[in-house]
Amino acid sequence: MLVLALDASGSVNDAEFRLQIQGYADAFRSPSVQNAIMSAGQVQVAMVVWADGEMSSQVLPFQDVSNRRAAEAFAQRIDALDRRVTGNTGIGRGLWTALDLIALDMSCAPRRLVNVSGDGAETMIARARENIALNVARMRAAAMGVTVNGLAIQTSRPDLAEWYGRNLVTGPGAFVMSVSTLASFSEAINAKLVREISVPLLAADQPVPTGGIRKGL
């Protein structure tokens, strides 16, 4: 199970948001990602578009993308996604929503990952009722056996990859990638998805579920 968690906070303008959306859609159409999916077995992917912690995230529910036609269909769903959120950078809320999706049915998934992409650190504000602190969401991910990886878009904060490494990523084999411009996003997310889908040792330290075990993600 893989959840793509995409930043739509106020620091991301509409053109930049579309570049990210296009990068994800293009990745699921690419031969390299589709070949990784074919090799992995059954792969389920969802998307969460997150922003201010006080706003509900947008969600594309899990879809099986285990063949080329299904991967193309998921790309079309991403392409059709309209932006409905903005505001502060509520990474904790976005991660929490991704974990909620995974928690709905994780009994048969040997590998559980969240792929977070964004251009800023968590906004430090007085915690409102609906907000979720990132450290709380990160601890929940660890307790659920979910690996959280990051793609830092370092257009305005050149140390964001280091910040992600300290405050966001967790779990076996967790890693951070970075880009300095959004023009590089599509290539980077393609490489990141191939790495996440292909590498089995991301699940090396995960508890093995009993019954219904399947190959895949």
N, C-alpha and C. Protein backbone atom coordinates (compact mmCIF):
# COMPACT_ATOMS: atom_id res chain seq x y z
N MET A 1 0.85 -1.18 0.00
CA MET A 1 0.00 0.00 0.00
C MET A 1 0.89 1.24 0.00
N LEU A 2 0.60 2.15 -0.92
CA LEU A 2 1.38 3.37 -1.05
C LEU A 2 0.43 4.55 -1.14
N VAL A 3 0.63 5.54 -0.25
CA VAL A 3 -0.16 6.77 -0.31
C VAL A 3 0.76 7.91 -0.73
N LEU A 4 0.37 8.63 -1.76
CA LEU A 4 1.08 9.80 -2.24
C LEU A 4 0.48 11.02 -1.54
N ALA A 5 1.27 11.74 -0.76
CA ALA A 5 0.78 12.87 0.02
C ALA A 5 1.39 14.16 -0.53
N LEU A 6 0.58 14.96 -1.18
CA LEU A 6 1.02 16.08 -2.02
C LEU A 6 0.69 17.42 -1.36
N ASP A 7 1.66 18.32 -1.30
CA ASP A 7 1.54 19.64 -0.70
C ASP A 7 0.75 20.59 -1.60
N ALA A 8 -0.33 21.18 -1.06
CA ALA A 8 -1.08 22.22 -1.77
C ALA A 8 -1.23 23.46 -0.89
N SER A 9 -0.28 23.69 0.01
CA SER A 9 -0.35 24.82 0.92
C SER A 9 -0.16 26.14 0.17
N GLY A 10 -0.30 27.25 0.88
CA GLY A 10 -0.29 28.56 0.24
C GLY A 10 1.00 28.92 -0.46
N SER A 11 2.11 28.30 -0.09
CA SER A 11 3.38 28.59 -0.75
C SER A 11 3.46 27.97 -2.14
N VAL A 12 2.51 27.11 -2.48
CA VAL A 12 2.46 26.46 -3.79
C VAL A 12 1.38 27.15 -4.62
N ASN A 13 1.78 27.89 -5.66
CA ASN A 13 0.77 28.54 -6.49
C ASN A 13 0.11 27.52 -7.42
N ASP A 14 -0.92 27.96 -8.13
CA ASP A 14 -1.69 27.02 -8.95
C ASP A 14 -0.85 26.38 -10.05
N ALA A 15 0.05 27.16 -10.66
CA ALA A 15 0.90 26.60 -11.71
C ALA A 15 1.84 25.54 -11.15
N GLU A 16 2.38 25.81 -9.96
CA GLU A 16 3.27 24.84 -9.32
C GLU A 16 2.51 23.58 -8.90
N PHE A 17 1.28 23.77 -8.44
CA PHE A 17 0.45 22.62 -8.09
C PHE A 17 0.21 21.73 -9.30
N ARG A 18 -0.10 22.36 -10.46
CA ARG A 18 -0.33 21.57 -11.66
C ARG A 18 0.94 20.85 -12.11
N LEU A 19 2.11 21.46 -11.91
CA LEU A 19 3.36 20.79 -12.25
C LEU A 19 3.54 19.52 -11.42
N GLN A 20 3.19 19.61 -10.13
CA GLN A 20 3.29 18.42 -9.27
C GLN A 20 2.29 17.35 -9.72
N ILE A 21 1.05 17.77 -9.95
CA ILE A 21 0.02 16.82 -10.40
C ILE A 21 0.45 16.15 -11.70
N GLN A 22 0.96 16.94 -12.63
CA GLN A 22 1.40 16.39 -13.91
C GLN A 22 2.55 15.42 -13.72
N GLY A 23 3.46 15.75 -12.79
CA GLY A 23 4.58 14.85 -12.52
C GLY A 23 4.14 13.50 -12.01
N TYR A 24 3.17 13.48 -11.08
CA TYR A 24 2.65 12.21 -10.57
C TYR A 24 1.92 11.44 -11.67
N ALA A 25 1.09 12.14 -12.44
CA ALA A 25 0.35 11.46 -13.51
C ALA A 25 1.30 10.87 -14.55
N ASP A 26 2.29 11.66 -14.95
CA ASP A 26 3.26 11.17 -15.93
C ASP A 26 4.02 9.95 -15.42
N ALA A 27 4.29 9.94 -14.11
CA ALA A 27 5.04 8.81 -13.54
C ALA A 27 4.28 7.50 -13.72
N PHE A 28 2.96 7.53 -13.50
CA PHE A 28 2.19 6.29 -13.62
C PHE A 28 1.96 5.89 -15.08
N ARG A 29 2.30 6.78 -16.00
CA ARG A 29 2.26 6.42 -17.42
C ARG A 29 3.63 5.97 -17.93
N SER A 30 4.66 6.16 -17.12
CA SER A 30 6.02 5.91 -17.59
C SER A 30 6.34 4.42 -17.59
N PRO A 31 7.10 3.94 -18.58
CA PRO A 31 7.48 2.52 -18.61
C PRO A 31 8.26 2.10 -17.37
N SER A 32 9.10 2.98 -16.82
CA SER A 32 9.92 2.57 -15.67
C SER A 32 9.06 2.29 -14.44
N VAL A 33 8.08 3.15 -14.17
CA VAL A 33 7.19 2.92 -13.02
C VAL A 33 6.28 1.73 -13.30
N GLN A 34 5.74 1.63 -14.49
CA GLN A 34 4.88 0.49 -14.82
C GLN A 34 5.64 -0.83 -14.75
N ASN A 35 6.89 -0.84 -15.18
CA ASN A 35 7.69 -2.06 -15.08
C ASN A 35 7.95 -2.43 -13.63
N ALA A 36 8.20 -1.43 -12.78
CA ALA A 36 8.40 -1.70 -11.36
C ALA A 36 7.14 -2.30 -10.75
N ILE A 37 5.98 -1.77 -11.15
CA ILE A 37 4.71 -2.30 -10.66
C ILE A 37 4.52 -3.75 -11.11
N MET A 38 4.80 -4.04 -12.36
CA MET A 38 4.65 -5.40 -12.87
C MET A 38 5.53 -6.38 -12.09
N SER A 39 6.72 -5.93 -11.71
CA SER A 39 7.65 -6.80 -10.98
C SER A 39 7.24 -6.98 -9.53
N ALA A 40 6.58 -5.97 -8.97
CA ALA A 40 6.25 -6.00 -7.54
C ALA A 40 5.07 -6.91 -7.23
N GLY A 41 4.18 -7.11 -8.19
CA GLY A 41 2.98 -7.88 -7.92
C GLY A 41 1.81 -6.94 -7.70
N GLN A 42 0.96 -7.23 -6.72
CA GLN A 42 -0.21 -6.40 -6.48
C GLN A 42 0.21 -5.10 -5.79
N VAL A 43 -0.16 -3.97 -6.36
CA VAL A 43 0.19 -2.66 -5.83
C VAL A 43 -1.07 -1.81 -5.74
N GLN A 44 -1.31 -1.25 -4.57
CA GLN A 44 -2.44 -0.35 -4.35
C GLN A 44 -1.91 1.04 -4.03
N VAL A 45 -2.47 2.05 -4.68
CA VAL A 45 -2.00 3.43 -4.50
C VAL A 45 -3.19 4.35 -4.25
N ALA A 46 -2.99 5.30 -3.35
CA ALA A 46 -3.97 6.36 -3.08
C ALA A 46 -3.24 7.69 -3.09
N MET A 47 -3.99 8.78 -3.10
CA MET A 47 -3.39 10.12 -3.05
C MET A 47 -4.12 10.98 -2.03
N VAL A 48 -3.35 11.76 -1.28
CA VAL A 48 -3.87 12.76 -0.36
C VAL A 48 -3.28 14.10 -0.74
N VAL A 49 -4.12 15.10 -0.97
CA VAL A 49 -3.66 16.47 -1.22
C VAL A 49 -3.92 17.26 0.06
N TRP A 50 -2.86 17.72 0.69
CA TRP A 50 -2.96 18.32 2.01
C TRP A 50 -2.49 19.78 1.99
N ALA A 51 -2.94 20.53 2.99
CA ALA A 51 -2.50 21.91 3.15
C ALA A 51 -2.68 22.28 4.61
N ASP A 52 -3.51 23.27 4.87
CA ASP A 52 -3.74 23.74 6.23
C ASP A 52 -4.34 22.63 7.09
N GLY A 53 -3.82 22.49 8.29
CA GLY A 53 -4.32 21.45 9.18
C GLY A 53 -5.76 21.62 9.58
N GLU A 54 -6.32 22.82 9.39
CA GLU A 54 -7.72 23.07 9.71
C GLU A 54 -8.67 22.73 8.56
N MET A 55 -8.10 22.34 7.41
CA MET A 55 -8.92 21.99 6.25
C MET A 55 -8.87 20.49 6.01
N SER A 56 -9.96 19.93 5.55
CA SER A 56 -9.96 18.51 5.20
C SER A 56 -9.11 18.29 3.95
N SER A 57 -8.27 17.28 3.98
CA SER A 57 -7.45 16.95 2.81
C SER A 57 -8.32 16.36 1.71
N GLN A 58 -7.89 16.54 0.46
CA GLN A 58 -8.53 15.87 -0.67
C GLN A 58 -7.97 14.46 -0.79
N VAL A 59 -8.82 13.52 -1.13
CA VAL A 59 -8.41 12.12 -1.14
C VAL A 59 -8.84 11.44 -2.44
N LEU A 60 -7.91 10.72 -3.06
CA LEU A 60 -8.22 9.72 -4.07
C LEU A 60 -8.06 8.37 -3.39
N PRO A 61 -9.12 7.60 -3.20
CA PRO A 61 -9.02 6.34 -2.47
C PRO A 61 -8.11 5.33 -3.16
N PHE A 62 -7.78 4.29 -2.44
CA PHE A 62 -6.89 3.26 -2.98
C PHE A 62 -7.44 2.66 -4.27
N GLN A 63 -6.53 2.46 -5.20
CA GLN A 63 -6.85 1.79 -6.46
C GLN A 63 -5.74 0.78 -6.75
N ASP A 64 -6.14 -0.40 -7.18
CA ASP A 64 -5.16 -1.40 -7.61
C ASP A 64 -4.59 -0.95 -8.96
N VAL A 65 -3.26 -0.83 -9.02
CA VAL A 65 -2.60 -0.38 -10.26
C VAL A 65 -1.67 -1.47 -10.79
N SER A 66 -2.04 -2.72 -10.56
CA SER A 66 -1.12 -3.84 -10.80
C SER A 66 -0.95 -4.22 -12.26
N ASN A 67 -1.59 -3.50 -13.18
CA ASN A 67 -1.33 -3.72 -14.60
C ASN A 67 -1.27 -2.37 -15.29
N ARG A 68 -0.82 -2.36 -16.52
CA ARG A 68 -0.59 -1.09 -17.21
C ARG A 68 -1.88 -0.29 -17.41
N ARG A 69 -2.95 -0.98 -17.72
CA ARG A 69 -4.22 -0.29 -17.92
C ARG A 69 -4.68 0.38 -16.63
N ALA A 70 -4.51 -0.31 -15.49
CA ALA A 70 -4.91 0.27 -14.21
C ALA A 70 -4.03 1.45 -13.83
N ALA A 71 -2.73 1.36 -14.13
CA ALA A 71 -1.82 2.47 -13.85
C ALA A 71 -2.21 3.69 -14.68
N GLU A 72 -2.56 3.48 -15.95
CA GLU A 72 -3.01 4.57 -16.81
C GLU A 72 -4.31 5.19 -16.26
N ALA A 73 -5.20 4.35 -15.76
CA ALA A 73 -6.46 4.85 -15.21
C ALA A 73 -6.21 5.70 -13.97
N PHE A 74 -5.26 5.28 -13.13
CA PHE A 74 -4.93 6.08 -11.94
C PHE A 74 -4.32 7.41 -12.36
N ALA A 75 -3.49 7.41 -13.39
CA ALA A 75 -2.91 8.65 -13.91
C ALA A 75 -4.02 9.61 -14.36
N GLN A 76 -5.06 9.08 -14.98
CA GLN A 76 -6.17 9.92 -15.42
C GLN A 76 -6.91 10.52 -14.22
N ARG A 77 -7.05 9.75 -13.15
CA ARG A 77 -7.69 10.26 -11.94
C ARG A 77 -6.88 11.40 -11.34
N ILE A 78 -5.55 11.26 -11.35
CA ILE A 78 -4.69 12.33 -10.85
C ILE A 78 -4.84 13.57 -11.72
N ASP A 79 -4.78 13.39 -13.03
CA ASP A 79 -4.92 14.52 -13.97
C ASP A 79 -6.20 15.32 -13.72
N ALA A 80 -7.26 14.63 -13.38
CA ALA A 80 -8.57 15.27 -13.24
C ALA A 80 -8.77 15.95 -11.89
N LEU A 81 -7.78 15.86 -11.00
CA LEU A 81 -7.92 16.38 -9.65
C LEU A 81 -7.85 17.90 -9.64
N ASP A 82 -8.88 18.56 -9.14
CA ASP A 82 -8.90 20.01 -8.97
C ASP A 82 -8.46 20.36 -7.55
N ARG A 83 -7.77 21.46 -7.43
CA ARG A 83 -7.28 21.89 -6.12
C ARG A 83 -8.42 22.50 -5.31
N ARG A 84 -8.61 22.02 -4.08
CA ARG A 84 -9.65 22.55 -3.20
C ARG A 84 -9.11 22.95 -1.83
N VAL A 85 -7.80 22.87 -1.62
CA VAL A 85 -7.23 23.21 -0.32
C VAL A 85 -6.06 24.18 -0.51
N THR A 86 -5.78 24.96 0.54
CA THR A 86 -4.64 25.86 0.56
C THR A 86 -4.41 26.25 2.02
N GLY A 87 -3.58 27.28 2.27
CA GLY A 87 -3.36 27.73 3.63
C GLY A 87 -1.99 27.35 4.16
N ASN A 88 -1.90 27.15 5.47
CA ASN A 88 -0.64 26.83 6.11
C ASN A 88 -0.14 25.44 5.72
N THR A 89 1.10 25.15 6.10
CA THR A 89 1.73 23.87 5.75
C THR A 89 1.47 22.86 6.87
N GLY A 90 0.39 22.13 6.76
CA GLY A 90 -0.01 21.18 7.79
C GLY A 90 0.40 19.76 7.44
N ILE A 91 1.69 19.49 7.46
CA ILE A 91 2.17 18.15 7.08
C ILE A 91 1.59 17.08 7.99
N GLY A 92 1.47 17.40 9.27
CA GLY A 92 0.94 16.43 10.22
C GLY A 92 -0.46 15.97 9.85
N ARG A 93 -1.31 16.92 9.46
CA ARG A 93 -2.68 16.56 9.05
C ARG A 93 -2.66 15.71 7.79
N GLY A 94 -1.80 16.07 6.83
CA GLY A 94 -1.71 15.28 5.60
C GLY A 94 -1.25 13.86 5.87
N LEU A 95 -0.23 13.71 6.72
CA LEU A 95 0.26 12.38 7.06
C LEU A 95 -0.80 11.59 7.82
N TRP A 96 -1.50 12.24 8.72
CA TRP A 96 -2.55 11.56 9.50
C TRP A 96 -3.65 11.03 8.58
N THR A 97 -4.05 11.83 7.61
CA THR A 97 -5.07 11.39 6.65
C THR A 97 -4.58 10.19 5.86
N ALA A 98 -3.31 10.22 5.44
CA ALA A 98 -2.74 9.08 4.73
C ALA A 98 -2.76 7.82 5.59
N LEU A 99 -2.44 7.97 6.87
CA LEU A 99 -2.45 6.83 7.78
C LEU A 99 -3.87 6.32 8.01
N ASP A 100 -4.85 7.23 8.04
CA ASP A 100 -6.24 6.79 8.15
C ASP A 100 -6.63 5.89 6.98
N LEU A 101 -6.20 6.24 5.79
CA LEU A 101 -6.49 5.41 4.61
C LEU A 101 -5.87 4.02 4.76
N ILE A 102 -4.62 3.98 5.18
CA ILE A 102 -3.94 2.70 5.35
C ILE A 102 -4.61 1.86 6.42
N ALA A 103 -5.04 2.52 7.50
CA ALA A 103 -5.63 1.80 8.63
C ALA A 103 -6.96 1.14 8.27
N LEU A 104 -7.61 1.59 7.21
CA LEU A 104 -8.89 1.00 6.82
C LEU A 104 -8.75 -0.47 6.45
N ASP A 105 -7.59 -0.84 5.86
CA ASP A 105 -7.39 -2.24 5.47
C ASP A 105 -5.90 -2.48 5.24
N MET A 106 -5.20 -2.84 6.32
CA MET A 106 -3.77 -3.11 6.20
C MET A 106 -3.43 -4.55 6.54
N SER A 107 -4.44 -5.40 6.69
CA SER A 107 -4.20 -6.77 7.15
C SER A 107 -3.41 -7.60 6.15
N CYS A 108 -3.57 -7.32 4.86
CA CYS A 108 -2.93 -8.15 3.84
C CYS A 108 -1.75 -7.46 3.16
N ALA A 109 -1.39 -6.28 3.61
CA ALA A 109 -0.35 -5.52 2.93
C ALA A 109 1.00 -5.74 3.60
N PRO A 110 1.94 -6.43 2.94
CA PRO A 110 3.25 -6.65 3.55
C PRO A 110 4.10 -5.39 3.61
N ARG A 111 3.80 -4.39 2.76
CA ARG A 111 4.56 -3.15 2.75
C ARG A 111 3.59 -1.98 2.76
N ARG A 112 3.86 -1.02 3.64
CA ARG A 112 2.97 0.13 3.80
C ARG A 112 3.83 1.39 3.80
N LEU A 113 3.59 2.27 2.84
CA LEU A 113 4.42 3.45 2.68
C LEU A 113 3.58 4.70 2.46
N VAL A 114 4.12 5.84 2.92
CA VAL A 114 3.59 7.15 2.57
C VAL A 114 4.71 7.95 1.93
N ASN A 115 4.41 8.53 0.79
CA ASN A 115 5.36 9.32 0.01
C ASN A 115 4.93 10.78 0.11
N VAL A 116 5.64 11.58 0.93
CA VAL A 116 5.28 12.98 1.16
C VAL A 116 6.13 13.87 0.27
N SER A 117 5.49 14.76 -0.48
CA SER A 117 6.23 15.77 -1.24
C SER A 117 5.73 17.15 -0.83
N GLY A 118 6.67 18.10 -0.68
CA GLY A 118 6.29 19.44 -0.28
C GLY A 118 7.43 20.42 -0.39
N ASP A 119 7.10 21.72 -0.21
CA ASP A 119 8.12 22.75 -0.38
C ASP A 119 8.42 23.52 0.89
N GLY A 120 7.92 23.03 2.04
CA GLY A 120 8.18 23.76 3.27
C GLY A 120 8.06 22.89 4.51
N ALA A 121 8.54 23.44 5.62
CA ALA A 121 8.44 22.77 6.91
C ALA A 121 7.05 22.99 7.50
N GLU A 122 6.72 22.22 8.50
CA GLU A 122 5.45 22.37 9.21
C GLU A 122 5.32 23.79 9.74
N THR A 123 4.16 24.41 9.51
CA THR A 123 3.90 25.75 10.03
C THR A 123 3.73 25.68 11.54
N MET A 124 4.53 26.47 12.25
CA MET A 124 4.48 26.47 13.71
C MET A 124 3.50 27.53 14.17
N ILE A 125 2.28 27.10 14.50
CA ILE A 125 1.24 28.01 14.99
C ILE A 125 0.61 27.38 16.22
N ALA A 126 -0.14 28.20 16.95
CA ALA A 126 -0.89 27.65 18.08
C ALA A 126 -1.80 26.55 17.57
N ARG A 127 -1.72 25.39 18.19
CA ARG A 127 -2.44 24.23 17.69
C ARG A 127 -3.95 24.37 17.87
N ALA A 128 -4.64 24.46 16.78
CA ALA A 128 -6.09 24.53 16.81
C ALA A 128 -6.68 23.13 16.99
N ARG A 129 -7.97 23.09 17.21
CA ARG A 129 -8.63 21.84 17.58
C ARG A 129 -8.45 20.75 16.54
N GLU A 130 -8.54 21.10 15.26
CA GLU A 130 -8.53 20.09 14.21
C GLU A 130 -7.13 19.75 13.69
N ASN A 131 -6.12 20.48 14.15
CA ASN A 131 -4.79 20.26 13.62
C ASN A 131 -4.14 19.04 14.26
N ILE A 132 -3.18 18.45 13.55
CA ILE A 132 -2.42 17.30 14.05
C ILE A 132 -0.94 17.66 13.97
N ALA A 133 -0.26 17.65 15.09
CA ALA A 133 1.18 17.94 15.11
C ALA A 133 1.92 16.85 14.33
N LEU A 134 2.95 17.26 13.59
CA LEU A 134 3.69 16.30 12.77
C LEU A 134 4.32 15.21 13.62
N ASN A 135 4.87 15.57 14.79
CA ASN A 135 5.53 14.54 15.59
C ASN A 135 4.53 13.48 16.07
N VAL A 136 3.28 13.88 16.28
CA VAL A 136 2.24 12.93 16.69
C VAL A 136 1.91 11.99 15.52
N ALA A 137 1.76 12.55 14.33
CA ALA A 137 1.48 11.72 13.15
C ALA A 137 2.65 10.79 12.85
N ARG A 138 3.85 11.28 13.03
CA ARG A 138 5.04 10.46 12.78
C ARG A 138 5.10 9.28 13.74
N MET A 139 4.78 9.52 15.01
CA MET A 139 4.76 8.42 15.99
C MET A 139 3.69 7.40 15.64
N ARG A 140 2.55 7.87 15.14
CA ARG A 140 1.50 6.93 14.73
C ARG A 140 1.99 6.07 13.57
N ALA A 141 2.68 6.68 12.61
CA ALA A 141 3.22 5.91 11.48
C ALA A 141 4.16 4.82 11.97
N ALA A 142 5.04 5.16 12.90
CA ALA A 142 5.98 4.18 13.43
C ALA A 142 5.23 3.05 14.13
N ALA A 143 4.20 3.39 14.90
CA ALA A 143 3.44 2.37 15.61
C ALA A 143 2.69 1.44 14.66
N MET A 144 2.29 1.96 13.50
CA MET A 144 1.56 1.16 12.51
C MET A 144 2.49 0.38 11.59
N GLY A 145 3.80 0.58 11.72
CA GLY A 145 4.73 -0.09 10.82
C GLY A 145 4.72 0.49 9.43
N VAL A 146 4.45 1.78 9.31
CA VAL A 146 4.41 2.47 8.02
C VAL A 146 5.71 3.22 7.80
N THR A 147 6.32 3.03 6.64
CA THR A 147 7.51 3.79 6.26
C THR A 147 7.08 5.09 5.60
N VAL A 148 7.65 6.20 6.06
CA VAL A 148 7.36 7.52 5.50
C VAL A 148 8.61 8.05 4.82
N ASN A 149 8.52 8.32 3.53
CA ASN A 149 9.61 8.91 2.75
C ASN A 149 9.25 10.33 2.36
N GLY A 150 10.26 11.12 1.98
CA GLY A 150 10.01 12.51 1.62
C GLY A 150 10.69 12.92 0.33
N LEU A 151 10.02 13.80 -0.42
CA LEU A 151 10.62 14.49 -1.56
C LEU A 151 10.54 15.98 -1.26
N ALA A 152 11.68 16.58 -0.95
CA ALA A 152 11.76 17.99 -0.57
C ALA A 152 11.94 18.86 -1.80
N ILE A 153 11.01 19.78 -2.01
CA ILE A 153 11.10 20.75 -3.11
C ILE A 153 11.75 22.00 -2.54
N GLN A 154 13.04 22.17 -2.79
CA GLN A 154 13.83 23.18 -2.09
C GLN A 154 13.90 24.50 -2.88
N THR A 155 12.73 24.99 -3.31
CA THR A 155 12.70 26.24 -4.06
C THR A 155 12.84 27.46 -3.16
N SER A 156 12.41 27.36 -1.92
CA SER A 156 12.49 28.50 -1.01
C SER A 156 13.22 28.18 0.29
N ARG A 157 13.46 26.91 0.54
CA ARG A 157 14.17 26.51 1.76
C ARG A 157 15.21 25.46 1.41
N PRO A 158 16.49 25.88 1.25
CA PRO A 158 17.52 24.95 0.78
C PRO A 158 17.88 23.84 1.75
N ASP A 159 17.44 23.96 3.02
CA ASP A 159 17.74 22.91 3.99
C ASP A 159 16.55 22.00 4.25
N LEU A 160 15.55 22.03 3.36
CA LEU A 160 14.32 21.28 3.63
C LEU A 160 14.56 19.78 3.68
N ALA A 161 15.46 19.27 2.85
CA ALA A 161 15.74 17.82 2.89
C ALA A 161 16.26 17.41 4.26
N GLU A 162 17.13 18.23 4.85
CA GLU A 162 17.63 17.93 6.19
C GLU A 162 16.50 18.00 7.21
N TRP A 163 15.62 18.98 7.05
CA TRP A 163 14.48 19.10 7.97
C TRP A 163 13.58 17.87 7.86
N TYR A 164 13.30 17.44 6.64
CA TYR A 164 12.52 16.22 6.45
C TYR A 164 13.20 15.03 7.13
N GLY A 165 14.51 14.95 6.99
CA GLY A 165 15.24 13.84 7.60
C GLY A 165 15.11 13.82 9.11
N ARG A 166 15.10 14.99 9.72
CA ARG A 166 15.00 15.07 11.19
C ARG A 166 13.58 14.91 11.70
N ASN A 167 12.60 15.40 10.94
CA ASN A 167 11.26 15.56 11.49
C ASN A 167 10.14 14.77 10.82
N LEU A 168 10.40 14.22 9.64
CA LEU A 168 9.32 13.57 8.89
C LEU A 168 9.54 12.08 8.67
N VAL A 169 10.63 11.71 8.02
CA VAL A 169 10.78 10.32 7.58
C VAL A 169 10.93 9.39 8.78
N THR A 170 10.43 8.18 8.60
CA THR A 170 10.51 7.18 9.65
C THR A 170 10.28 5.81 9.03
N GLY A 171 10.75 4.78 9.72
CA GLY A 171 10.50 3.41 9.27
C GLY A 171 11.68 2.80 8.56
N PRO A 172 11.66 1.48 8.38
CA PRO A 172 12.75 0.75 7.73
C PRO A 172 13.01 1.25 6.31
N GLY A 173 14.26 1.59 6.02
CA GLY A 173 14.63 2.01 4.68
C GLY A 173 14.14 3.39 4.29
N ALA A 174 13.63 4.18 5.24
CA ALA A 174 13.10 5.50 4.91
C ALA A 174 14.19 6.39 4.34
N PHE A 175 13.81 7.25 3.39
CA PHE A 175 14.79 8.12 2.74
C PHE A 175 14.15 9.43 2.32
N VAL A 176 15.02 10.41 2.02
CA VAL A 176 14.60 11.71 1.51
C VAL A 176 15.31 11.96 0.19
N MET A 177 14.57 12.43 -0.80
CA MET A 177 15.14 12.95 -2.04
C MET A 177 14.81 14.44 -2.11
N SER A 178 15.54 15.18 -2.94
CA SER A 178 15.29 16.61 -3.04
C SER A 178 15.44 17.09 -4.47
N VAL A 179 14.75 18.18 -4.79
CA VAL A 179 14.92 18.89 -6.05
C VAL A 179 15.06 20.37 -5.72
N SER A 180 15.82 21.09 -6.52
CA SER A 180 16.01 22.52 -6.29
C SER A 180 15.03 23.37 -7.07
N THR A 181 14.41 22.81 -8.10
CA THR A 181 13.40 23.52 -8.88
C THR A 181 12.25 22.58 -9.20
N LEU A 182 11.07 23.14 -9.41
CA LEU A 182 9.92 22.30 -9.77
C LEU A 182 10.06 21.70 -11.16
N ALA A 183 10.92 22.29 -11.97
CA ALA A 183 11.16 21.71 -13.30
C ALA A 183 11.75 20.31 -13.20
N SER A 184 12.39 20.01 -12.07
CA SER A 184 13.01 18.69 -11.86
C SER A 184 12.07 17.71 -11.16
N PHE A 185 10.86 18.17 -10.80
CA PHE A 185 9.98 17.35 -9.98
C PHE A 185 9.57 16.06 -10.68
N SER A 186 9.18 16.16 -11.94
CA SER A 186 8.67 14.99 -12.65
C SER A 186 9.70 13.87 -12.71
N GLU A 187 10.93 14.22 -13.04
CA GLU A 187 11.99 13.22 -13.10
C GLU A 187 12.25 12.61 -11.73
N ALA A 188 12.23 13.47 -10.69
CA ALA A 188 12.52 13.00 -9.33
C ALA A 188 11.42 12.07 -8.82
N ILE A 189 10.15 12.43 -9.04
CA ILE A 189 9.08 11.58 -8.51
C ILE A 189 9.04 10.25 -9.25
N ASN A 190 9.40 10.25 -10.51
CA ASN A 190 9.49 9.00 -11.25
C ASN A 190 10.52 8.08 -10.61
N ALA A 191 11.72 8.62 -10.37
CA ALA A 191 12.79 7.82 -9.76
C ALA A 191 12.41 7.38 -8.36
N LYS A 192 11.73 8.24 -7.61
CA LYS A 192 11.34 7.92 -6.24
C LYS A 192 10.32 6.78 -6.21
N LEU A 193 9.34 6.84 -7.10
CA LEU A 193 8.34 5.78 -7.15
C LEU A 193 8.94 4.45 -7.55
N VAL A 194 9.85 4.46 -8.50
CA VAL A 194 10.53 3.21 -8.89
C VAL A 194 11.26 2.63 -7.69
N ARG A 195 11.94 3.48 -6.94
CA ARG A 195 12.67 3.01 -5.76
C ARG A 195 11.72 2.46 -4.71
N GLU A 196 10.63 3.15 -4.45
CA GLU A 196 9.70 2.71 -3.41
C GLU A 196 8.98 1.42 -3.79
N ILE A 197 8.58 1.32 -5.02
CA ILE A 197 7.84 0.13 -5.45
C ILE A 197 8.74 -1.08 -5.57
N SER A 198 10.01 -0.86 -5.93
CA SER A 198 10.91 -1.97 -6.27
C SER A 198 11.63 -2.59 -5.10
N VAL A 199 11.88 -1.84 -4.03
CA VAL A 199 12.82 -2.28 -3.00
C VAL A 199 12.12 -3.04 -1.89
N PRO A 200 12.27 -4.36 -1.81
CA PRO A 200 11.55 -5.12 -0.79
C PRO A 200 12.05 -4.88 0.62
N LEU A 201 13.28 -4.40 0.80
CA LEU A 201 13.75 -4.30 2.17
C LEU A 201 13.13 -3.13 2.92
N LEU A 202 12.26 -2.35 2.27
CA LEU A 202 11.48 -1.39 3.01
C LEU A 202 10.58 -2.09 4.03
N ALA A 203 10.28 -3.35 3.79
CA ALA A 203 9.42 -4.11 4.70
C ALA A 203 10.21 -5.08 5.57
N ALA A 204 11.53 -4.97 5.58
CA ALA A 204 12.36 -5.99 6.23
C ALA A 204 12.06 -6.13 7.71
N ASP A 205 11.77 -5.01 8.38
CA ASP A 205 11.55 -5.07 9.81
C ASP A 205 10.07 -4.97 10.17
N GLN A 206 9.20 -5.09 9.18
CA GLN A 206 7.78 -5.00 9.46
C GLN A 206 7.26 -6.33 10.00
N PRO A 207 6.26 -6.29 10.90
CA PRO A 207 5.63 -7.54 11.31
C PRO A 207 4.94 -8.20 10.14
N VAL A 208 5.07 -9.52 10.03
CA VAL A 208 4.45 -10.25 8.94
C VAL A 208 2.99 -10.52 9.29
N PRO A 209 2.03 -10.07 8.46
CA PRO A 209 0.63 -10.31 8.76
C PRO A 209 0.30 -11.78 8.66
N THR A 210 -0.66 -12.22 9.45
CA THR A 210 -1.06 -13.62 9.43
C THR A 210 -2.27 -13.78 8.53
N GLY A 211 -2.16 -14.68 7.57
CA GLY A 211 -3.28 -14.95 6.67
C GLY A 211 -3.38 -13.92 5.57
N GLY A 212 -3.70 -14.37 4.39
CA GLY A 212 -3.91 -13.46 3.27
C GLY A 212 -2.67 -12.74 2.83
N ILE A 213 -1.49 -13.29 3.05
CA ILE A 213 -0.26 -12.61 2.67
C ILE A 213 -0.14 -12.59 1.16
N ARG A 214 0.22 -11.43 0.62
CA ARG A 214 0.38 -11.33 -0.82
C ARG A 214 1.71 -10.69 -1.14
N LYS A 215 2.19 -10.96 -2.32
CA LYS A 215 3.34 -10.25 -2.84
C LYS A 215 2.89 -8.88 -3.30
N GLY A 216 3.65 -7.85 -3.00
CA GLY A 216 3.32 -6.54 -3.53
C GLY A 216 3.36 -5.46 -2.50
N LEU A 217 2.57 -4.41 -2.76
CA LEU A 217 2.64 -3.18 -1.96
C LEU A 217 1.23 -2.72 -1.65
